[in-house]
Amino acid sequence: MLEQLTSEEFTPPMSLTLEAHGQHHMLQVAEVHEFTPHAARPKPPFSVTLLAPRELLLPQGIYSLHHPTRGALDVFIVPLGPDVRGMRYEIIFN
């Protein structure tokens, strides 16, 4: 199912629910970036930057993310660090 996702399905502003350590957290899609398409891939890879409260400190790993139309997705999330708005995380779909 992850290979069927497109960047358009994460267009900000969008709220997603992340399940971590038995708790649910609301994250905002802050940015979506499409990478240069490649002839060997049917669709271009893309990244999604998520914004969370500054106090939500998660190590990189696989988390269950609830998408409003796709339902539960198990994705690998990498922390990017904080900015003035909160803690940033990134997911890459390729």
PDB file of N, CA and C in Angstrom:
ATOM      1  N   MET A   1       0.812  -1.198   0.000  1.00  0.00           N
ATOM      2  CA  MET A   1       0.000   0.000   0.000  1.00  0.00           C
ATOM      3  C   MET A   1       0.855   1.260   0.000  1.00  0.00           C
ATOM      4  N   LEU A   2       1.994   1.262   0.684  1.00  0.00           N
ATOM      5  CA  LEU A   2       2.841   2.457   0.715  1.00  0.00           C
ATOM      6  C   LEU A   2       3.306   2.852  -0.679  1.00  0.00           C
ATOM      7  N   GLU A   3       3.555   1.864  -1.537  1.00  0.00           N
ATOM      8  CA  GLU A   3       4.030   2.168  -2.889  1.00  0.00           C
ATOM      9  C   GLU A   3       2.958   2.831  -3.744  1.00  0.00           C
ATOM     10  N   GLN A   4       1.709   2.794  -3.312  1.00  0.00           N
ATOM     11  CA  GLN A   4       0.615   3.420  -4.051  1.00  0.00           C
ATOM     12  C   GLN A   4       0.372   4.875  -3.640  1.00  0.00           C
ATOM     13  N   LEU A   5       0.960   5.298  -2.528  1.00  0.00           N
ATOM     14  CA  LEU A   5       0.750   6.668  -2.051  1.00  0.00           C
ATOM     15  C   LEU A   5       1.382   7.683  -2.992  1.00  0.00           C
ATOM     16  N   THR A   6       0.758   8.840  -3.088  1.00  0.00           N
ATOM     17  CA  THR A   6       1.298   9.928  -3.894  1.00  0.00           C
ATOM     18  C   THR A   6       1.492  11.165  -3.020  1.00  0.00           C
ATOM     19  N   SER A   7       2.320  12.068  -3.485  1.00  0.00           N
ATOM     20  CA  SER A   7       2.575  13.291  -2.728  1.00  0.00           C
ATOM     21  C   SER A   7       1.303  14.125  -2.542  1.00  0.00           C
ATOM     22  N   GLU A   8       0.389  14.044  -3.503  1.00  0.00           N
ATOM     23  CA  GLU A   8      -0.858  14.817  -3.428  1.00  0.00           C
ATOM     24  C   GLU A   8      -1.709  14.407  -2.227  1.00  0.00           C
ATOM     25  N   GLU A   9      -1.520  13.198  -1.732  1.00  0.00           N
ATOM     26  CA  GLU A   9      -2.318  12.727  -0.598  1.00  0.00           C
ATOM     27  C   GLU A   9      -1.855  13.304   0.736  1.00  0.00           C
ATOM     28  N   PHE A  10      -0.774  14.085   0.708  1.00  0.00           N
ATOM     29  CA  PHE A  10      -0.239  14.683   1.934  1.00  0.00           C
ATOM     30  C   PHE A  10      -0.197  16.210   1.858  1.00  0.00           C
ATOM     31  N   THR A  11      -0.955  16.790   0.954  1.00  0.00           N
ATOM     32  CA  THR A  11      -0.918  18.229   0.758  1.00  0.00           C
ATOM     33  C   THR A  11      -1.268  18.965   2.045  1.00  0.00           C
ATOM     34  N   PRO A  12      -0.366  19.863   2.491  1.00  0.00           N
ATOM     35  CA  PRO A  12      -0.664  20.638   3.701  1.00  0.00           C
ATOM     36  C   PRO A  12      -1.762  21.672   3.429  1.00  0.00           C
ATOM     37  N   PRO A  13      -2.506  22.114   4.412  1.00  0.00           N
ATOM     38  CA  PRO A  13      -2.432  21.659   5.799  1.00  0.00           C
ATOM     39  C   PRO A  13      -3.220  20.377   5.976  1.00  0.00           C
ATOM     40  N   MET A  14      -2.641  19.432   6.675  1.00  0.00           N
ATOM     41  CA  MET A  14      -3.299  18.160   6.952  1.00  0.00           C
ATOM     42  C   MET A  14      -2.844  17.688   8.328  1.00  0.00           C
ATOM     43  N   SER A  15      -3.767  17.170   9.099  1.00  0.00           N
ATOM     44  CA  SER A  15      -3.430  16.610  10.403  1.00  0.00           C
ATOM     45  C   SER A  15      -3.380  15.092  10.288  1.00  0.00           C
ATOM     46  N   LEU A  16      -2.359  14.512  10.886  1.00  0.00           N
ATOM     47  CA  LEU A  16      -2.216  13.068  10.923  1.00  0.00           C
ATOM     48  C   LEU A  16      -2.058  12.645  12.381  1.00  0.00           C
ATOM     49  N   THR A  17      -2.487  11.442  12.701  1.00  0.00           N
ATOM     50  CA  THR A  17      -2.353  10.930  14.055  1.00  0.00           C
ATOM     51  C   THR A  17      -1.233   9.898  14.077  1.00  0.00           C
ATOM     52  N   LEU A  18      -0.294  10.070  14.981  1.00  0.00           N
ATOM     53  CA  LEU A  18       0.830   9.158  15.142  1.00  0.00           C
ATOM     54  C   LEU A  18       0.648   8.388  16.437  1.00  0.00           C
ATOM     55  N   GLU A  19       0.805   7.060  16.360  1.00  0.00           N
ATOM     56  CA  GLU A  19       0.748   6.254  17.569  1.00  0.00           C
ATOM     57  C   GLU A  19       2.174   5.913  17.971  1.00  0.00           C
ATOM     58  N   ALA A  20       2.542   6.306  19.178  1.00  0.00           N
ATOM     59  CA  ALA A  20       3.890   6.052  19.688  1.00  0.00           C
ATOM     60  C   ALA A  20       3.804   5.734  21.169  1.00  0.00           C
ATOM     61  N   HIS A  21       4.370   4.620  21.547  1.00  0.00           N
ATOM     62  CA  HIS A  21       4.427   4.215  22.955  1.00  0.00           C
ATOM     63  C   HIS A  21       3.037   4.165  23.588  1.00  0.00           C
ATOM     64  N   GLY A  22       2.061   3.674  22.823  1.00  0.00           N
ATOM     65  CA  GLY A  22       0.708   3.529  23.342  1.00  0.00           C
ATOM     66  C   GLY A  22      -0.080   4.819  23.438  1.00  0.00           C
ATOM     67  N   GLN A  23       0.472   5.924  22.940  1.00  0.00           N
ATOM     68  CA  GLN A  23      -0.230   7.211  22.978  1.00  0.00           C
ATOM     69  C   GLN A  23      -0.442   7.719  21.554  1.00  0.00           C
ATOM     70  N   HIS A  24      -1.473   8.533  21.403  1.00  0.00           N
ATOM     71  CA  HIS A  24      -1.773   9.132  20.103  1.00  0.00           C
ATOM     72  C   HIS A  24      -1.366  10.601  20.127  1.00  0.00           C
ATOM     73  N   HIS A  25      -0.674  11.041  19.077  1.00  0.00           N
ATOM     74  CA  HIS A  25      -0.199  12.418  18.967  1.00  0.00           C
ATOM     75  C   HIS A  25      -0.652  12.986  17.629  1.00  0.00           C
ATOM     76  N   MET A  26      -1.088  14.254  17.629  1.00  0.00           N
ATOM     77  CA  MET A  26      -1.460  14.929  16.391  1.00  0.00           C
ATOM     78  C   MET A  26      -0.234  15.605  15.795  1.00  0.00           C
ATOM     79  N   LEU A  27       0.014  15.355  14.519  1.00  0.00           N
ATOM     80  CA  LEU A  27       1.112  15.991  13.802  1.00  0.00           C
ATOM     81  C   LEU A  27       0.540  16.702  12.582  1.00  0.00           C
ATOM     82  N   GLN A  28       1.184  17.763  12.190  1.00  0.00           N
ATOM     83  CA  GLN A  28       0.764  18.523  11.024  1.00  0.00           C
ATOM     84  C   GLN A  28       1.728  18.271   9.874  1.00  0.00           C
ATOM     85  N   VAL A  29       1.199  18.116   8.674  1.00  0.00           N
ATOM     86  CA  VAL A  29       2.062  18.052   7.497  1.00  0.00           C
ATOM     87  C   VAL A  29       2.528  19.477   7.239  1.00  0.00           C
ATOM     88  N   ALA A  30       3.832  19.697   7.344  1.00  0.00           N
ATOM     89  CA  ALA A  30       4.393  21.035   7.170  1.00  0.00           C
ATOM     90  C   ALA A  30       4.859  21.260   5.741  1.00  0.00           C
ATOM     91  N   GLU A  31       5.314  20.195   5.086  1.00  0.00           N
ATOM     92  CA  GLU A  31       5.896  20.351   3.754  1.00  0.00           C
ATOM     93  C   GLU A  31       5.916  19.005   3.037  1.00  0.00           C
ATOM     94  N   VAL A  32       5.729  19.047   1.730  1.00  0.00           N
ATOM     95  CA  VAL A  32       5.864  17.869   0.876  1.00  0.00           C
ATOM     96  C   VAL A  32       6.830  18.246  -0.240  1.00  0.00           C
ATOM     97  N   HIS A  33       7.815  17.384  -0.462  1.00  0.00           N
ATOM     98  CA  HIS A  33       8.821  17.660  -1.495  1.00  0.00           C
ATOM     99  C   HIS A  33       8.910  16.465  -2.441  1.00  0.00           C
ATOM    100  N   GLU A  34       8.684  16.716  -3.733  1.00  0.00           N
ATOM    101  CA  GLU A  34       8.847  15.665  -4.742  1.00  0.00           C
ATOM    102  C   GLU A  34      10.263  15.703  -5.279  1.00  0.00           C
ATOM    103  N   PHE A  35      10.869  14.524  -5.372  1.00  0.00           N
ATOM    104  CA  PHE A  35      12.201  14.420  -5.943  1.00  0.00           C
ATOM    105  C   PHE A  35      12.099  14.275  -7.457  1.00  0.00           C
ATOM    106  N   THR A  36      13.195  14.437  -8.153  1.00  0.00           N
ATOM    107  CA  THR A  36      13.210  14.337  -9.605  1.00  0.00           C
ATOM    108  C   THR A  36      12.787  12.940 -10.031  1.00  0.00           C
ATOM    109  N   PRO A  37      11.816  12.844 -10.945  1.00  0.00           N
ATOM    110  CA  PRO A  37      11.373  11.525 -11.407  1.00  0.00           C
ATOM    111  C   PRO A  37      12.515  10.788 -12.114  1.00  0.00           C
ATOM    112  N   HIS A  38      12.441   9.483 -12.085  1.00  0.00           N
ATOM    113  CA  HIS A  38      13.443   8.650 -12.734  1.00  0.00           C
ATOM    114  C   HIS A  38      12.707   7.676 -13.652  1.00  0.00           C
ATOM    115  N   ALA A  39      13.282   7.400 -14.811  1.00  0.00           N
ATOM    116  CA  ALA A  39      12.625   6.539 -15.802  1.00  0.00           C
ATOM    117  C   ALA A  39      12.333   5.143 -15.254  1.00  0.00           C
ATOM    118  N   ALA A  40      13.125   4.671 -14.300  1.00  0.00           N
ATOM    119  CA  ALA A  40      12.942   3.322 -13.761  1.00  0.00           C
ATOM    120  C   ALA A  40      11.811   3.236 -12.739  1.00  0.00           C
ATOM    121  N   ARG A  41      11.278   4.377 -12.316  1.00  0.00           N
ATOM    122  CA  ARG A  41      10.213   4.376 -11.308  1.00  0.00           C
ATOM    123  C   ARG A  41       8.912   4.875 -11.931  1.00  0.00           C
ATOM    124  N   PRO A  42       7.809   4.215 -11.616  1.00  0.00           N
ATOM    125  CA  PRO A  42       6.525   4.643 -12.185  1.00  0.00           C
ATOM    126  C   PRO A  42       6.028   5.984 -11.642  1.00  0.00           C
ATOM    127  N   LYS A  43       6.451   6.344 -10.432  1.00  0.00           N
ATOM    128  CA  LYS A  43       6.058   7.637  -9.864  1.00  0.00           C
ATOM    129  C   LYS A  43       7.253   8.217  -9.114  1.00  0.00           C
ATOM    130  N   PRO A  44       7.323   9.539  -9.010  1.00  0.00           N
ATOM    131  CA  PRO A  44       8.478  10.150  -8.333  1.00  0.00           C
ATOM    132  C   PRO A  44       8.456   9.913  -6.830  1.00  0.00           C
ATOM    133  N   PRO A  45       9.627   9.674  -6.235  1.00  0.00           N
ATOM    134  CA  PRO A  45       9.691   9.594  -4.780  1.00  0.00           C
ATOM    135  C   PRO A  45       9.419  10.969  -4.170  1.00  0.00           C
ATOM    136  N   PHE A  46       9.008  10.983  -2.917  1.00  0.00           N
ATOM    137  CA  PHE A  46       8.718  12.260  -2.261  1.00  0.00           C
ATOM    138  C   PHE A  46       8.969  12.133  -0.769  1.00  0.00           C
ATOM    139  N   SER A  47       9.104  13.288  -0.120  1.00  0.00           N
ATOM    140  CA  SER A  47       9.270  13.318   1.329  1.00  0.00           C
ATOM    141  C   SER A  47       8.158  14.165   1.939  1.00  0.00           C
ATOM    142  N   VAL A  48       7.836  13.833   3.180  1.00  0.00           N
ATOM    143  CA  VAL A  48       6.826  14.567   3.940  1.00  0.00           C
ATOM    144  C   VAL A  48       7.486  15.015   5.244  1.00  0.00           C
ATOM    145  N   THR A  49       7.443  16.310   5.504  1.00  0.00           N
ATOM    146  CA  THR A  49       7.942  16.843   6.774  1.00  0.00           C
ATOM    147  C   THR A  49       6.757  17.075   7.686  1.00  0.00           C
ATOM    148  N   LEU A  50       6.846  16.494   8.881  1.00  0.00           N
ATOM    149  CA  LEU A  50       5.779  16.605   9.876  1.00  0.00           C
ATOM    150  C   LEU A  50       6.210  17.529  10.995  1.00  0.00           C
ATOM    151  N   LEU A  51       5.269  18.249  11.538  1.00  0.00           N
ATOM    152  CA  LEU A  51       5.520  19.157  12.645  1.00  0.00           C
ATOM    153  C   LEU A  51       4.755  18.654  13.867  1.00  0.00           C
ATOM    154  N   ALA A  52       5.476  18.499  14.975  1.00  0.00           N
ATOM    155  CA  ALA A  52       4.903  17.997  16.220  1.00  0.00           C
ATOM    156  C   ALA A  52       5.204  18.990  17.335  1.00  0.00           C
ATOM    157  N   PRO A  53       4.542  18.843  18.479  1.00  0.00           N
ATOM    158  CA  PRO A  53       4.905  19.681  19.620  1.00  0.00           C
ATOM    159  C   PRO A  53       6.384  19.471  19.971  1.00  0.00           C
ATOM    160  N   ARG A  54       7.028  20.509  20.413  1.00  0.00           N
ATOM    161  CA  ARG A  54       8.470  20.472  20.708  1.00  0.00           C
ATOM    162  C   ARG A  54       8.815  19.382  21.729  1.00  0.00           C
ATOM    163  N   GLU A  55       7.902  19.094  22.647  1.00  0.00           N
ATOM    164  CA  GLU A  55       8.193  18.102  23.688  1.00  0.00           C
ATOM    165  C   GLU A  55       8.058  16.651  23.211  1.00  0.00           C
ATOM    166  N   LEU A  56       7.542  16.424  21.996  1.00  0.00           N
ATOM    167  CA  LEU A  56       7.436  15.070  21.454  1.00  0.00           C
ATOM    168  C   LEU A  56       8.779  14.678  20.831  1.00  0.00           C
ATOM    169  N   LEU A  57       9.562  13.930  21.583  1.00  0.00           N
ATOM    170  CA  LEU A  57      10.892  13.518  21.136  1.00  0.00           C
ATOM    171  C   LEU A  57      10.878  12.025  20.856  1.00  0.00           C
ATOM    172  N   LEU A  58      10.855  11.672  19.589  1.00  0.00           N
ATOM    173  CA  LEU A  58      10.815  10.275  19.188  1.00  0.00           C
ATOM    174  C   LEU A  58      12.111   9.902  18.478  1.00  0.00           C
ATOM    175  N   PRO A  59      12.689   8.741  18.800  1.00  0.00           N
ATOM    176  CA  PRO A  59      13.857   8.289  18.043  1.00  0.00           C
ATOM    177  C   PRO A  59      13.409   7.814  16.661  1.00  0.00           C
ATOM    178  N   GLN A  60      14.343   7.788  15.714  1.00  0.00           N
ATOM    179  CA  GLN A  60      13.966   7.289  14.396  1.00  0.00           C
ATOM    180  C   GLN A  60      13.512   5.842  14.520  1.00  0.00           C
ATOM    181  N   GLY A  61      12.533   5.501  13.706  1.00  0.00           N
ATOM    182  CA  GLY A  61      12.008   4.145  13.751  1.00  0.00           C
ATOM    183  C   GLY A  61      10.685   4.058  13.024  1.00  0.00           C
ATOM    184  N   ILE A  62      10.085   2.887  13.116  1.00  0.00           N
ATOM    185  CA  ILE A  62       8.808   2.637  12.459  1.00  0.00           C
ATOM    186  C   ILE A  62       7.682   2.952  13.436  1.00  0.00           C
ATOM    187  N   TYR A  63       6.731   3.769  12.946  1.00  0.00           N
ATOM    188  CA  TYR A  63       5.578   4.176  13.752  1.00  0.00           C
ATOM    189  C   TYR A  63       4.315   3.996  12.934  1.00  0.00           C
ATOM    190  N   SER A  64       3.206   3.843  13.630  1.00  0.00           N
ATOM    191  CA  SER A  64       1.907   3.749  12.973  1.00  0.00           C
ATOM    192  C   SER A  64       1.337   5.159  12.833  1.00  0.00           C
ATOM    193  N   LEU A  65       1.067   5.539  11.605  1.00  0.00           N
ATOM    194  CA  LEU A  65       0.547   6.866  11.294  1.00  0.00           C
ATOM    195  C   LEU A  65      -0.840   6.685  10.699  1.00  0.00           C
ATOM    196  N   HIS A  66      -1.805   7.446  11.183  1.00  0.00           N
ATOM    197  CA  HIS A  66      -3.163   7.332  10.649  1.00  0.00           C
ATOM    198  C   HIS A  66      -3.417   8.458   9.661  1.00  0.00           C
ATOM    199  N   HIS A  67      -3.655   8.076   8.400  1.00  0.00           N
ATOM    200  CA  HIS A  67      -3.957   9.022   7.323  1.00  0.00           C
ATOM    201  C   HIS A  67      -5.478   9.103   7.200  1.00  0.00           C
ATOM    202  N   PRO A  68      -6.040  10.312   6.973  1.00  0.00           N
ATOM    203  CA  PRO A  68      -7.504  10.452   6.959  1.00  0.00           C
ATOM    204  C   PRO A  68      -8.224   9.612   5.898  1.00  0.00           C
ATOM    205  N   THR A  69      -7.590   9.322   4.758  1.00  0.00           N
ATOM    206  CA  THR A  69      -8.265   8.515   3.734  1.00  0.00           C
ATOM    207  C   THR A  69      -7.640   7.139   3.545  1.00  0.00           C
ATOM    208  N   ARG A  70      -6.386   6.981   3.893  1.00  0.00           N
ATOM    209  CA  ARG A  70      -5.686   5.701   3.702  1.00  0.00           C
ATOM    210  C   ARG A  70      -5.671   4.819   4.947  1.00  0.00           C
ATOM    211  N   GLY A  71      -6.031   5.387   6.080  1.00  0.00           N
ATOM    212  CA  GLY A  71      -6.038   4.606   7.311  1.00  0.00           C
ATOM    213  C   GLY A  71      -4.651   4.473   7.902  1.00  0.00           C
ATOM    214  N   ALA A  72      -4.409   3.349   8.581  1.00  0.00           N
ATOM    215  CA  ALA A  72      -3.140   3.133   9.283  1.00  0.00           C
ATOM    216  C   ALA A  72      -2.020   2.802   8.303  1.00  0.00           C
ATOM    217  N   LEU A  73      -0.891   3.490   8.478  1.00  0.00           N
ATOM    218  CA  LEU A  73       0.306   3.265   7.666  1.00  0.00           C
ATOM    219  C   LEU A  73       1.480   3.081   8.604  1.00  0.00           C
ATOM    220  N   ASP A  74       2.245   2.026   8.417  1.00  0.00           N
ATOM    221  CA  ASP A  74       3.476   1.846   9.194  1.00  0.00           C
ATOM    222  C   ASP A  74       4.603   2.481   8.391  1.00  0.00           C
ATOM    223  N   VAL A  75       5.186   3.549   8.936  1.00  0.00           N
ATOM    224  CA  VAL A  75       6.193   4.320   8.204  1.00  0.00           C
ATOM    225  C   VAL A  75       7.452   4.498   9.052  1.00  0.00           C
ATOM    226  N   PHE A  76       8.580   4.687   8.376  1.00  0.00           N
ATOM    227  CA  PHE A  76       9.854   4.946   9.032  1.00  0.00           C
ATOM    228  C   PHE A  76      10.014   6.457   9.148  1.00  0.00           C
ATOM    229  N   ILE A  77      10.110   6.952  10.372  1.00  0.00           N
ATOM    230  CA  ILE A  77      10.182   8.382  10.637  1.00  0.00           C
ATOM    231  C   ILE A  77      11.560   8.738  11.188  1.00  0.00           C
ATOM    232  N   VAL A  78      12.119   9.828  10.673  1.00  0.00           N
ATOM    233  CA  VAL A  78      13.429  10.311  11.110  1.00  0.00           C
ATOM    234  C   VAL A  78      13.262  11.700  11.728  1.00  0.00           C
ATOM    235  N   PRO A  79      13.763  11.918  12.933  1.00  0.00           N
ATOM    236  CA  PRO A  79      13.697  13.266  13.513  1.00  0.00           C
ATOM    237  C   PRO A  79      14.678  14.191  12.801  1.00  0.00           C
ATOM    238  N   LEU A  80      14.209  15.397  12.462  1.00  0.00           N
ATOM    239  CA  LEU A  80      15.060  16.408  11.826  1.00  0.00           C
ATOM    240  C   LEU A  80      15.544  17.438  12.835  1.00  0.00           C
ATOM    241  N   GLY A  81      14.847  17.535  13.948  1.00  0.00           N
ATOM    242  CA  GLY A  81      15.202  18.520  14.962  1.00  0.00           C
ATOM    243  C   GLY A  81      14.153  19.606  15.056  1.00  0.00           C
ATOM    244  N   PRO A  82      14.278  20.453  16.061  1.00  0.00           N
ATOM    245  CA  PRO A  82      13.276  21.494  16.275  1.00  0.00           C
ATOM    246  C   PRO A  82      13.514  22.719  15.387  1.00  0.00           C
ATOM    247  N   ASP A  83      12.440  23.451  15.157  1.00  0.00           N
ATOM    248  CA  ASP A  83      12.532  24.794  14.588  1.00  0.00           C
ATOM    249  C   ASP A  83      11.637  25.685  15.450  1.00  0.00           C
ATOM    250  N   VAL A  84      11.354  26.886  15.020  1.00  0.00           N
ATOM    251  CA  VAL A  84      10.575  27.815  15.841  1.00  0.00           C
ATOM    252  C   VAL A  84       9.132  27.354  16.049  1.00  0.00           C
ATOM    253  N   ARG A  85       8.642  26.442  15.175  1.00  0.00           N
ATOM    254  CA  ARG A  85       7.258  25.984  15.267  1.00  0.00           C
ATOM    255  C   ARG A  85       7.093  24.717  16.093  1.00  0.00           C
ATOM    256  N   GLY A  86       8.155  23.946  16.283  1.00  0.00           N
ATOM    257  CA  GLY A  86       8.058  22.683  17.026  1.00  0.00           C
ATOM    258  C   GLY A  86       9.101  21.693  16.547  1.00  0.00           C
ATOM    259  N   MET A  87       8.880  20.433  16.863  1.00  0.00           N
ATOM    260  CA  MET A  87       9.804  19.359  16.471  1.00  0.00           C
ATOM    261  C   MET A  87       9.416  18.870  15.072  1.00  0.00           C
ATOM    262  N   ARG A  88      10.432  18.692  14.215  1.00  0.00           N
ATOM    263  CA  ARG A  88      10.195  18.259  12.838  1.00  0.00           C
ATOM    264  C   ARG A  88      10.644  16.814  12.636  1.00  0.00           C
ATOM    265  N   TYR A  89       9.848  16.078  11.871  1.00  0.00           N
ATOM    266  CA  TYR A  89      10.135  14.687  11.510  1.00  0.00           C
ATOM    267  C   TYR A  89       9.967  14.537   9.998  1.00  0.00           C
ATOM    268  N   GLU A  90      10.665  13.556   9.425  1.00  0.00           N
ATOM    269  CA  GLU A  90      10.577  13.348   7.981  1.00  0.00           C
ATOM    270  C   GLU A  90      10.280  11.893   7.659  1.00  0.00           C
ATOM    271  N   ILE A  91       9.453  11.702   6.622  1.00  0.00           N
ATOM    272  CA  ILE A  91       9.156  10.393   6.058  1.00  0.00           C
ATOM    273  C   ILE A  91       9.518  10.487   4.580  1.00  0.00           C
ATOM    274  N   ILE A  92      10.212   9.489   4.062  1.00  0.00           N
ATOM    275  CA  ILE A  92      10.534   9.448   2.628  1.00  0.00           C
ATOM    276  C   ILE A  92       9.803   8.254   2.019  1.00  0.00           C
ATOM    277  N   PHE A  93       9.088   8.525   0.949  1.00  0.00           N
ATOM    278  CA  PHE A  93       8.367   7.474   0.194  1.00  0.00           C
ATOM    279  C   PHE A  93       9.079   7.317  -1.139  1.00  0.00           C
ATOM    280  N   ASN A  94       9.605   6.105  -1.400  1.00  0.00           N
ATOM    281  CA  ASN A  94      10.282   5.901  -2.691  1.00  0.00           C
ATOM    282  C   ASN A  94       9.941   4.600  -3.339  1.00  0.00           C
TER     283      ASN A  94
END
